[in-house]
């Protein structure tokens, strides 16, 4: 068998972008045949991607892309915080955000079919899984193209906000930072989802019932609790984080600025993370080792 040189490994890595040791193993298996080694690698990387696909990806990043009045906010998930800082993963994520803004895909499936660096996004994703060894996938996105001005704020890539506005850019940026900190669920009280209000009302009614107050007073207590909740979760009614003596609405009015809409993403929000039982895992490994001994 011919010697596997560093130059051969380097050439195969340049063609496939696979890890060095994987390249060396493939070349050894292929008896130094570069073309055959490339085929072996593509099969292995595909297999690795398939195995990774079943694993929970609840870490990741929020990325944004703005080009004039068009923008996109995107969440891309991976399995570990370590990979969320990987340059290739970040490049993939930012590339996908740009595609969302430019191509306006209908959903994540449509995004997967778009071309990124000469290949379908899904093919790039699969190759990246093979290279890094973790499951990863674009999860959700919001595209803005309503003709308004846009600003985004990313807090450590784990919280992302995009705001569509008219007026002062500094005021809009301050609002984006406020949203990241206070996490409103809607722009105004009228926009709070009905199911959220129903849940809050049910809790308030239970508290009022337990208080033992007369029915008329209990009803006022419930209504008061609901109204308090609406003000707490609607952006315009929240106390502004940089000056709690005024509401966000008052700050914006003073800055002659109007917020048209916003989107807030938090990495992994709503994803059920796997809770590993380390002791059980070790016990299982010990049992497996005894069984094969």
C-alpha atoms as a PDB file:
ATOM      1  CA  UNK A   1       0.000   0.000   0.000  1.00  0.00           C
ATOM      2  CA  UNK A   2       1.385   3.462  -0.869  1.00  0.00           C
ATOM      3  CA  UNK A   3       2.356   5.751   2.003  1.00  0.00           C
ATOM      4  CA  UNK A   4      -0.312   8.244   2.995  1.00  0.00           C
ATOM      5  CA  UNK A   5       1.465  11.592   2.942  1.00  0.00           C
ATOM      6  CA  UNK A   6       0.476  14.885   4.565  1.00  0.00           C
ATOM      7  CA  UNK A   7       0.114  16.370   1.077  1.00  0.00           C
ATOM      8  CA  UNK A   8      -2.446  13.703   0.121  1.00  0.00           C
ATOM      9  CA  UNK A   9      -4.399  14.304   3.317  1.00  0.00           C
ATOM     10  CA  UNK A  10      -4.272  18.048   2.729  1.00  0.00           C
ATOM     11  CA  UNK A  11      -5.516  17.683  -0.850  1.00  0.00           C
ATOM     12  CA  UNK A  12      -8.451  15.507   0.234  1.00  0.00           C
ATOM     13  CA  UNK A  13      -9.330  17.893   3.058  1.00  0.00           C
ATOM     14  CA  UNK A  14      -9.305  20.819   0.598  1.00  0.00           C
ATOM     15  CA  UNK A  15     -11.767  18.976  -1.641  1.00  0.00           C
ATOM     16  CA  UNK A  16     -14.126  17.708   1.055  1.00  0.00           C
ATOM     17  CA  UNK A  17     -13.568  20.037   4.050  1.00  0.00           C
ATOM     18  CA  UNK A  18     -13.628  16.909   6.250  1.00  0.00           C
ATOM     19  CA  UNK A  19     -11.555  16.553   9.469  1.00  0.00           C
ATOM     20  CA  UNK A  20      -7.891  15.605   8.958  1.00  0.00           C
ATOM     21  CA  UNK A  21      -8.143  12.229  10.700  1.00  0.00           C
ATOM     22  CA  UNK A  22     -11.227  11.302   8.672  1.00  0.00           C
ATOM     23  CA  UNK A  23      -9.305  12.131   5.497  1.00  0.00           C
ATOM     24  CA  UNK A  24      -6.371   9.974   6.554  1.00  0.00           C
ATOM     25  CA  UNK A  25      -8.654   7.036   7.409  1.00  0.00           C
ATOM     26  CA  UNK A  26     -10.434   7.322   4.066  1.00  0.00           C
ATOM     27  CA  UNK A  27      -7.149   7.411   2.143  1.00  0.00           C
ATOM     28  CA  UNK A  28      -5.898   4.370   4.034  1.00  0.00           C
ATOM     29  CA  UNK A  29      -9.126   2.488   3.263  1.00  0.00           C
ATOM     30  CA  UNK A  30      -8.854   3.519  -0.389  1.00  0.00           C
ATOM     31  CA  UNK A  31      -5.172   2.460  -0.659  1.00  0.00           C
ATOM     32  CA  UNK A  32      -4.196   6.024  -1.488  1.00  0.00           C
ATOM     33  CA  UNK A  33      -6.749   6.481  -4.306  1.00  0.00           C
ATOM     34  CA  UNK A  34      -7.889  10.095  -3.915  1.00  0.00           C
ATOM     35  CA  UNK A  35     -11.124   9.737  -5.917  1.00  0.00           C
ATOM     36  CA  UNK A  36     -12.131   6.589  -4.038  1.00  0.00           C
ATOM     37  CA  UNK A  37     -11.252   8.213  -0.708  1.00  0.00           C
ATOM     38  CA  UNK A  38     -13.497  11.154  -1.573  1.00  0.00           C
ATOM     39  CA  UNK A  39     -16.395   8.755  -2.237  1.00  0.00           C
ATOM     40  CA  UNK A  40     -15.745   6.961   1.066  1.00  0.00           C
ATOM     41  CA  UNK A  41     -15.761  10.266   2.923  1.00  0.00           C
ATOM     42  CA  UNK A  42     -19.007  11.436   1.373  1.00  0.00           C
ATOM     43  CA  UNK A  43     -20.670   8.178   2.406  1.00  0.00           C
ATOM     44  CA  UNK A  44     -19.295   8.470   5.948  1.00  0.00           C
ATOM     45  CA  UNK A  45     -20.212  12.133   6.311  1.00  0.00           C
ATOM     46  CA  UNK A  46     -23.711  11.420   5.082  1.00  0.00           C
ATOM     47  CA  UNK A  47     -24.032   8.587   7.583  1.00  0.00           C
ATOM     48  CA  UNK A  48     -22.799  10.797  10.386  1.00  0.00           C
ATOM     49  CA  UNK A  49     -25.315  13.475   9.435  1.00  0.00           C
ATOM     50  CA  UNK A  50     -28.115  10.899   9.432  1.00  0.00           C
ATOM     51  CA  UNK A  51     -27.211   9.692  12.926  1.00  0.00           C
ATOM     52  CA  UNK A  52     -26.968  13.261  14.227  1.00  0.00           C
ATOM     53  CA  UNK A  53     -30.381  14.207  12.876  1.00  0.00           C
ATOM     54  CA  UNK A  54     -32.194  12.401  15.706  1.00  0.00           C
ATOM     55  CA  UNK A  55     -30.377  14.300  18.446  1.00  0.00           C
ATOM     56  CA  UNK A  56     -31.933  17.324  20.128  1.00  0.00           C
ATOM     57  CA  UNK A  57     -30.510  20.660  18.989  1.00  0.00           C
ATOM     58  CA  UNK A  58     -31.531  23.279  21.554  1.00  0.00           C
ATOM     59  CA  UNK A  59     -28.444  25.506  21.515  1.00  0.00           C
ATOM     60  CA  UNK A  60     -27.454  27.754  18.621  1.00  0.00           C
ATOM     61  CA  UNK A  61     -27.558  31.368  17.503  1.00  0.00           C
ATOM     62  CA  UNK A  62     -29.859  34.166  16.452  1.00  0.00           C
ATOM     63  CA  UNK A  63     -28.515  36.031  13.414  1.00  0.00           C
ATOM     64  CA  UNK A  64     -29.800  38.953  11.401  1.00  0.00           C
ATOM     65  CA  UNK A  65     -29.330  40.489   7.980  1.00  0.00           C
ATOM     66  CA  UNK A  66     -30.483  43.935   6.870  1.00  0.00           C
ATOM     67  CA  UNK A  67     -30.187  45.406   3.392  1.00  0.00           C
ATOM     68  CA  UNK A  68     -32.026  48.709   3.184  1.00  0.00           C
ATOM     69  CA  UNK A  69     -35.705  48.159   3.939  1.00  0.00           C
ATOM     70  CA  UNK A  70     -35.405  44.365   3.717  1.00  0.00           C
ATOM     71  CA  UNK A  71     -34.216  42.224   6.601  1.00  0.00           C
ATOM     72  CA  UNK A  72     -34.387  38.844   8.275  1.00  0.00           C
ATOM     73  CA  UNK A  73     -34.045  37.446  11.769  1.00  0.00           C
ATOM     74  CA  UNK A  74     -33.164  33.744  11.924  1.00  0.00           C
ATOM     75  CA  UNK A  75     -32.607  31.078  14.576  1.00  0.00           C
ATOM     76  CA  UNK A  76     -30.257  28.200  13.752  1.00  0.00           C
ATOM     77  CA  UNK A  77     -29.915  25.425  16.318  1.00  0.00           C
ATOM     78  CA  UNK A  78     -27.103  23.024  17.212  1.00  0.00           C
ATOM     79  CA  UNK A  79     -26.519  20.619  20.109  1.00  0.00           C
ATOM     80  CA  UNK A  80     -23.884  22.428  22.186  1.00  0.00           C
ATOM     81  CA  UNK A  81     -22.918  25.980  23.056  1.00  0.00           C
ATOM     82  CA  UNK A  82     -19.365  25.166  21.910  1.00  0.00           C
ATOM     83  CA  UNK A  83     -20.479  24.587  18.306  1.00  0.00           C
ATOM     84  CA  UNK A  84     -22.584  27.755  18.368  1.00  0.00           C
ATOM     85  CA  UNK A  85     -19.269  29.645  18.375  1.00  0.00           C
ATOM     86  CA  UNK A  86     -17.776  27.640  15.491  1.00  0.00           C
ATOM     87  CA  UNK A  87     -16.794  29.871  12.541  1.00  0.00           C
ATOM     88  CA  UNK A  88     -18.228  27.493   9.917  1.00  0.00           C
ATOM     89  CA  UNK A  89     -21.522  27.205  11.815  1.00  0.00           C
ATOM     90  CA  UNK A  90     -21.738  30.988  12.114  1.00  0.00           C
ATOM     91  CA  UNK A  91     -20.941  31.452   8.415  1.00  0.00           C
ATOM     92  CA  UNK A  92     -23.694  28.975   7.521  1.00  0.00           C
ATOM     93  CA  UNK A  93     -26.162  30.748   9.800  1.00  0.00           C
ATOM     94  CA  UNK A  94     -25.382  34.212   8.455  1.00  0.00           C
ATOM     95  CA  UNK A  95     -25.535  32.899   4.889  1.00  0.00           C
ATOM     96  CA  UNK A  96     -29.015  31.506   5.534  1.00  0.00           C
ATOM     97  CA  UNK A  97     -30.193  34.808   7.048  1.00  0.00           C
ATOM     98  CA  UNK A  98     -29.040  36.639   3.924  1.00  0.00           C
ATOM     99  CA  UNK A  99     -30.906  34.135   1.739  1.00  0.00           C
ATOM    100  CA  UNK A 100     -34.116  34.659   3.715  1.00  0.00           C
ATOM    101  CA  UNK A 101     -33.863  38.419   3.194  1.00  0.00           C
ATOM    102  CA  UNK A 102     -32.988  38.183  -0.499  1.00  0.00           C
ATOM    103  CA  UNK A 103     -35.055  35.214  -1.695  1.00  0.00           C
ATOM    104  CA  UNK A 104     -38.139  35.331   0.567  1.00  0.00           C
ATOM    105  CA  UNK A 105     -38.598  31.561   1.141  1.00  0.00           C
ATOM    106  CA  UNK A 106     -42.050  30.559   2.356  1.00  0.00           C
ATOM    107  CA  UNK A 107     -40.737  28.415   5.205  1.00  0.00           C
ATOM    108  CA  UNK A 108     -37.699  26.476   6.478  1.00  0.00           C
ATOM    109  CA  UNK A 109     -38.265  23.720   3.906  1.00  0.00           C
ATOM    110  CA  UNK A 110     -38.164  26.282   1.101  1.00  0.00           C
ATOM    111  CA  UNK A 111     -34.998  27.777   2.598  1.00  0.00           C
ATOM    112  CA  UNK A 112     -33.362  24.330   2.546  1.00  0.00           C
ATOM    113  CA  UNK A 113     -33.862  24.157  -1.218  1.00  0.00           C
ATOM    114  CA  UNK A 114     -32.209  27.515  -1.944  1.00  0.00           C
ATOM    115  CA  UNK A 115     -28.621  27.670  -3.147  1.00  0.00           C
ATOM    116  CA  UNK A 116     -25.835  28.683  -0.756  1.00  0.00           C
ATOM    117  CA  UNK A 117     -22.252  28.849  -2.070  1.00  0.00           C
ATOM    118  CA  UNK A 118     -23.229  26.865  -5.154  1.00  0.00           C
ATOM    119  CA  UNK A 119     -25.064  24.074  -3.289  1.00  0.00           C
ATOM    120  CA  UNK A 120     -28.546  23.619  -1.796  1.00  0.00           C
ATOM    121  CA  UNK A 121     -28.722  24.783   1.818  1.00  0.00           C
ATOM    122  CA  UNK A 122     -29.662  21.239   2.836  1.00  0.00           C
ATOM    123  CA  UNK A 123     -26.518  19.841   1.210  1.00  0.00           C
ATOM    124  CA  UNK A 124     -24.356  22.440   2.943  1.00  0.00           C
ATOM    125  CA  UNK A 125     -26.059  21.627   6.254  1.00  0.00           C
ATOM    126  CA  UNK A 126     -25.482  17.886   5.805  1.00  0.00           C
ATOM    127  CA  UNK A 127     -21.805  18.361   4.982  1.00  0.00           C
ATOM    128  CA  UNK A 128     -21.382  20.658   7.986  1.00  0.00           C
ATOM    129  CA  UNK A 129     -22.970  18.066  10.267  1.00  0.00           C
ATOM    130  CA  UNK A 130     -20.516  15.521   8.921  1.00  0.00           C
ATOM    131  CA  UNK A 131     -17.586  17.827   9.499  1.00  0.00           C
ATOM    132  CA  UNK A 132     -18.544  19.022  13.004  1.00  0.00           C
ATOM    133  CA  UNK A 133     -20.400  15.929  14.199  1.00  0.00           C
ATOM    134  CA  UNK A 134     -23.460  17.667  15.635  1.00  0.00           C
ATOM    135  CA  UNK A 135     -27.034  18.007  14.493  1.00  0.00           C
ATOM    136  CA  UNK A 136     -27.911  21.524  13.361  1.00  0.00           C
ATOM    137  CA  UNK A 137     -30.803  23.111  11.543  1.00  0.00           C
ATOM    138  CA  UNK A 138     -32.428  26.444  10.751  1.00  0.00           C
ATOM    139  CA  UNK A 139     -35.500  26.513  13.002  1.00  0.00           C
ATOM    140  CA  UNK A 140     -37.492  29.672  12.316  1.00  0.00           C
ATOM    141  CA  UNK A 141     -37.199  33.076  10.684  1.00  0.00           C
ATOM    142  CA  UNK A 142     -39.034  36.356  10.221  1.00  0.00           C
ATOM    143  CA  UNK A 143     -38.573  38.438   7.086  1.00  0.00           C
ATOM    144  CA  UNK A 144     -39.235  42.179   7.003  1.00  0.00           C
ATOM    145  CA  UNK A 145     -39.999  43.965   3.738  1.00  0.00           C
ATOM    146  CA  UNK A 146     -42.749  46.433   4.599  1.00  0.00           C
ATOM    147  CA  UNK A 147     -40.901  49.514   3.446  1.00  0.00           C
ATOM    148  CA  UNK A 148     -40.061  50.771   6.929  1.00  0.00           C
ATOM    149  CA  UNK A 149     -36.632  51.376   8.434  1.00  0.00           C
ATOM    150  CA  UNK A 150     -35.019  48.400  10.160  1.00  0.00           C
ATOM    151  CA  UNK A 151     -32.691  47.938  13.103  1.00  0.00           C
ATOM    152  CA  UNK A 152     -31.539  44.772  14.883  1.00  0.00           C
ATOM    153  CA  UNK A 153     -29.975  43.989  18.233  1.00  0.00           C
ATOM    154  CA  UNK A 154     -28.222  40.739  19.115  1.00  0.00           C
ATOM    155  CA  UNK A 155     -27.372  39.967  22.716  1.00  0.00           C
ATOM    156  CA  UNK A 156     -24.516  37.464  22.615  1.00  0.00           C
ATOM    157  CA  UNK A 157     -26.163  35.716  19.632  1.00  0.00           C
ATOM    158  CA  UNK A 158     -28.631  34.076  22.048  1.00  0.00           C
ATOM    159  CA  UNK A 159     -31.278  36.800  22.009  1.00  0.00           C
ATOM    160  CA  UNK A 160     -32.148  38.578  18.792  1.00  0.00           C
ATOM    161  CA  UNK A 161     -34.522  41.438  18.033  1.00  0.00           C
ATOM    162  CA  UNK A 162     -35.497  43.132  14.791  1.00  0.00           C
ATOM    163  CA  UNK A 163     -37.557  46.305  14.818  1.00  0.00           C
ATOM    164  CA  UNK A 164     -39.366  47.963  11.933  1.00  0.00           C
ATOM    165  CA  UNK A 165     -39.803  51.689  12.577  1.00  0.00           C
ATOM    166  CA  UNK A 166     -40.124  55.208  11.228  1.00  0.00           C
ATOM    167  CA  UNK A 167     -38.148  58.044  12.776  1.00  0.00           C
ATOM    168  CA  UNK A 168     -34.975  58.174  14.824  1.00  0.00           C
ATOM    169  CA  UNK A 169     -32.470  55.311  14.500  1.00  0.00           C
ATOM    170  CA  UNK A 170     -31.037  55.782  17.995  1.00  0.00           C
ATOM    171  CA  UNK A 171     -34.487  55.606  19.606  1.00  0.00           C
ATOM    172  CA  UNK A 172     -35.301  52.484  17.581  1.00  0.00           C
ATOM    173  CA  UNK A 173     -32.025  50.841  18.648  1.00  0.00           C
ATOM    174  CA  UNK A 174     -32.834  51.645  22.274  1.00  0.00           C
ATOM    175  CA  UNK A 175     -36.232  49.983  21.832  1.00  0.00           C
ATOM    176  CA  UNK A 176     -34.596  46.888  20.337  1.00  0.00           C
ATOM    177  CA  UNK A 177     -32.337  46.633  23.405  1.00  0.00           C
ATOM    178  CA  UNK A 178     -35.361  47.207  25.659  1.00  0.00           C
ATOM    179  CA  UNK A 179     -37.233  44.355  23.943  1.00  0.00           C
ATOM    180  CA  UNK A 180     -34.281  42.003  24.468  1.00  0.00           C
ATOM    181  CA  UNK A 181     -34.270  42.861  28.185  1.00  0.00           C
ATOM    182  CA  UNK A 182     -37.998  43.031  28.953  1.00  0.00           C
ATOM    183  CA  UNK A 183     -39.337  40.515  26.403  1.00  0.00           C
ATOM    184  CA  UNK A 184     -42.764  41.998  25.601  1.00  0.00           C
ATOM    185  CA  UNK A 185     -45.183  39.653  23.841  1.00  0.00           C
ATOM    186  CA  UNK A 186     -46.851  42.326  21.712  1.00  0.00           C
ATOM    187  CA  UNK A 187     -46.610  45.913  20.505  1.00  0.00           C
ATOM    188  CA  UNK A 188     -49.759  47.161  22.263  1.00  0.00           C
ATOM    189  CA  UNK A 189     -52.344  45.805  24.699  1.00  0.00           C
ATOM    190  CA  UNK A 190     -54.704  45.195  21.768  1.00  0.00           C
ATOM    191  CA  UNK A 191     -52.175  42.817  20.212  1.00  0.00           C
ATOM    192  CA  UNK A 192     -51.704  40.496  23.215  1.00  0.00           C
ATOM    193  CA  UNK A 193     -52.780  36.963  22.138  1.00  0.00           C
ATOM    194  CA  UNK A 194     -56.246  35.989  23.371  1.00  0.00           C
ATOM    195  CA  UNK A 195     -54.952  32.702  24.808  1.00  0.00           C
ATOM    196  CA  UNK A 196     -52.453  34.612  26.991  1.00  0.00           C
ATOM    197  CA  UNK A 197     -55.223  36.830  28.336  1.00  0.00           C
ATOM    198  CA  UNK A 198     -57.460  33.824  29.003  1.00  0.00           C
ATOM    199  CA  UNK A 199     -54.708  32.124  30.990  1.00  0.00           C
ATOM    200  CA  UNK A 200     -54.045  35.253  33.037  1.00  0.00           C
ATOM    201  CA  UNK A 201     -57.742  35.743  33.688  1.00  0.00           C
ATOM    202  CA  UNK A 202     -58.117  32.164  34.886  1.00  0.00           C
ATOM    203  CA  UNK A 203     -55.258  32.612  37.370  1.00  0.00           C
ATOM    204  CA  UNK A 204     -56.721  35.909  38.588  1.00  0.00           C
ATOM    205  CA  UNK A 205     -60.157  34.345  39.060  1.00  0.00           C
ATOM    206  CA  UNK A 206     -58.669  31.547  41.148  1.00  0.00           C
ATOM    207  CA  UNK A 207     -56.832  34.051  43.357  1.00  0.00           C
ATOM    208  CA  UNK A 208     -59.982  36.127  43.761  1.00  0.00           C
ATOM    209  CA  UNK A 209     -61.973  33.022  44.716  1.00  0.00           C
ATOM    210  CA  UNK A 210     -59.409  32.057  47.335  1.00  0.00           C
ATOM    211  CA  UNK A 211     -59.452  35.578  48.790  1.00  0.00           C
ATOM    212  CA  UNK A 212     -63.040  35.120  50.005  1.00  0.00           C
ATOM    213  CA  UNK A 213     -64.003  38.633  48.874  1.00  0.00           C
ATOM    214  CA  UNK A 214     -67.609  39.461  47.853  1.00  0.00           C
ATOM    215  CA  UNK A 215     -68.414  38.752  44.200  1.00  0.00           C
ATOM    216  CA  UNK A 216     -68.398  42.407  43.069  1.00  0.00           C
ATOM    217  CA  UNK A 217     -65.012  43.083  44.671  1.00  0.00           C
ATOM    218  CA  UNK A 218     -63.609  39.785  43.345  1.00  0.00           C
ATOM    219  CA  UNK A 219     -64.688  40.782  39.814  1.00  0.00           C
ATOM    220  CA  UNK A 220     -62.845  44.105  40.141  1.00  0.00           C
ATOM    221  CA  UNK A 221     -59.780  42.260  41.420  1.00  0.00           C
ATOM    222  CA  UNK A 222     -59.808  40.008  38.353  1.00  0.00           C
ATOM    223  CA  UNK A 223     -60.187  42.889  35.930  1.00  0.00           C
ATOM    224  CA  UNK A 224     -57.454  44.832  37.700  1.00  0.00           C
ATOM    225  CA  UNK A 225     -55.057  41.874  37.474  1.00  0.00           C
ATOM    226  CA  UNK A 226     -55.753  41.414  33.768  1.00  0.00           C
ATOM    227  CA  UNK A 227     -55.212  45.089  32.991  1.00  0.00           C
ATOM    228  CA  UNK A 228     -51.970  45.088  34.976  1.00  0.00           C
ATOM    229  CA  UNK A 229     -50.786  42.055  33.012  1.00  0.00           C
ATOM    230  CA  UNK A 230     -51.617  43.692  29.658  1.00  0.00           C
ATOM    231  CA  UNK A 231     -49.522  46.734  30.522  1.00  0.00           C
ATOM    232  CA  UNK A 232     -46.619  44.595  31.701  1.00  0.00           C
ATOM    233  CA  UNK A 233     -46.364  42.532  28.493  1.00  0.00           C
ATOM    234  CA  UNK A 234     -47.152  45.122  25.801  1.00  0.00           C
ATOM    235  CA  UNK A 235     -44.123  47.061  24.564  1.00  0.00           C
ATOM    236  CA  UNK A 236     -45.629  50.542  24.379  1.00  0.00           C
ATOM    237  CA  UNK A 237     -46.948  50.348  27.964  1.00  0.00           C
ATOM    238  CA  UNK A 238     -43.762  49.010  29.567  1.00  0.00           C
ATOM    239  CA  UNK A 239     -41.546  51.307  31.626  1.00  0.00           C
ATOM    240  CA  UNK A 240     -38.546  52.175  29.454  1.00  0.00           C
ATOM    241  CA  UNK A 241     -35.415  50.412  30.728  1.00  0.00           C
ATOM    242  CA  UNK A 242     -33.209  53.503  30.369  1.00  0.00           C
ATOM    243  CA  UNK A 243     -35.694  55.743  32.195  1.00  0.00           C
ATOM    244  CA  UNK A 244     -38.414  54.028  34.207  1.00  0.00           C
ATOM    245  CA  UNK A 245     -40.141  57.396  34.761  1.00  0.00           C
ATOM    246  CA  UNK A 246     -41.581  57.151  31.251  1.00  0.00           C
ATOM    247  CA  UNK A 247     -43.154  54.428  29.165  1.00  0.00           C
ATOM    248  CA  UNK A 248     -41.698  53.243  25.871  1.00  0.00           C
ATOM    249  CA  UNK A 249     -44.587  54.985  24.124  1.00  0.00           C
ATOM    250  CA  UNK A 250     -43.723  58.298  25.820  1.00  0.00           C
ATOM    251  CA  UNK A 251     -40.049  57.939  24.936  1.00  0.00           C
ATOM    252  CA  UNK A 252     -40.893  57.260  21.292  1.00  0.00           C
ATOM    253  CA  UNK A 253     -43.263  60.215  21.119  1.00  0.00           C
ATOM    254  CA  UNK A 254     -40.534  62.507  22.425  1.00  0.00           C
ATOM    255  CA  UNK A 255     -38.185  61.122  19.752  1.00  0.00           C
ATOM    256  CA  UNK A 256     -40.859  61.466  17.043  1.00  0.00           C
ATOM    257  CA  UNK A 257     -40.488  57.750  16.296  1.00  0.00           C
ATOM    258  CA  UNK A 258     -43.066  55.049  15.565  1.00  0.00           C
ATOM    259  CA  UNK A 259     -42.565  51.302  15.993  1.00  0.00           C
ATOM    260  CA  UNK A 260     -44.441  49.418  13.284  1.00  0.00           C
ATOM    261  CA  UNK A 261     -43.558  45.855  14.351  1.00  0.00           C
ATOM    262  CA  UNK A 262     -40.898  43.736  16.037  1.00  0.00           C
ATOM    263  CA  UNK A 263     -39.765  40.150  16.390  1.00  0.00           C
ATOM    264  CA  UNK A 264     -37.955  38.684  19.388  1.00  0.00           C
ATOM    265  CA  UNK A 265     -36.199  35.295  19.287  1.00  0.00           C
ATOM    266  CA  UNK A 266     -34.489  33.532  22.196  1.00  0.00           C
ATOM    267  CA  UNK A 267     -32.306  30.521  21.361  1.00  0.00           C
ATOM    268  CA  UNK A 268     -33.989  27.215  22.176  1.00  0.00           C
ATOM    269  CA  UNK A 269     -37.203  28.838  23.372  1.00  0.00           C
ATOM    270  CA  UNK A 270     -39.901  26.168  23.509  1.00  0.00           C
ATOM    271  CA  UNK A 271     -37.545  23.280  22.726  1.00  0.00           C
ATOM    272  CA  UNK A 272     -37.558  20.503  25.295  1.00  0.00           C
ATOM    273  CA  UNK A 273     -33.928  19.938  26.198  1.00  0.00           C
ATOM    274  CA  UNK A 274     -32.738  16.447  26.972  1.00  0.00           C
ATOM    275  CA  UNK A 275     -31.949  15.892  30.640  1.00  0.00           C
ATOM    276  CA  UNK A 276     -29.070  13.468  30.809  1.00  0.00           C
ATOM    277  CA  UNK A 277     -28.810  11.152  33.827  1.00  0.00           C
ATOM    278  CA  UNK A 278     -25.028  10.812  34.127  1.00  0.00           C
ATOM    279  CA  UNK A 279     -25.148   8.079  36.763  1.00  0.00           C
ATOM    280  CA  UNK A 280     -27.550   6.006  34.667  1.00  0.00           C
ATOM    281  CA  UNK A 281     -25.391   6.509  31.587  1.00  0.00           C
ATOM    282  CA  UNK A 282     -22.264   5.280  33.394  1.00  0.00           C
ATOM    283  CA  UNK A 283     -24.161   2.291  34.801  1.00  0.00           C
ATOM    284  CA  UNK A 284     -25.380   1.383  31.325  1.00  0.00           C
ATOM    285  CA  UNK A 285     -21.846   1.562  29.924  1.00  0.00           C
ATOM    286  CA  UNK A 286     -20.497  -0.624  32.742  1.00  0.00           C
ATOM    287  CA  UNK A 287     -23.275  -3.179  32.163  1.00  0.00           C
ATOM    288  CA  UNK A 288     -22.547  -3.233  28.439  1.00  0.00           C
ATOM    289  CA  UNK A 289     -18.836  -3.751  29.085  1.00  0.00           C
ATOM    290  CA  UNK A 290     -19.550  -6.701  31.433  1.00  0.00           C
ATOM    291  CA  UNK A 291     -21.879  -8.259  28.895  1.00  0.00           C
ATOM    292  CA  UNK A 292     -19.181  -8.273  26.214  1.00  0.00           C
ATOM    293  CA  UNK A 293     -16.361  -9.328  28.538  1.00  0.00           C
END
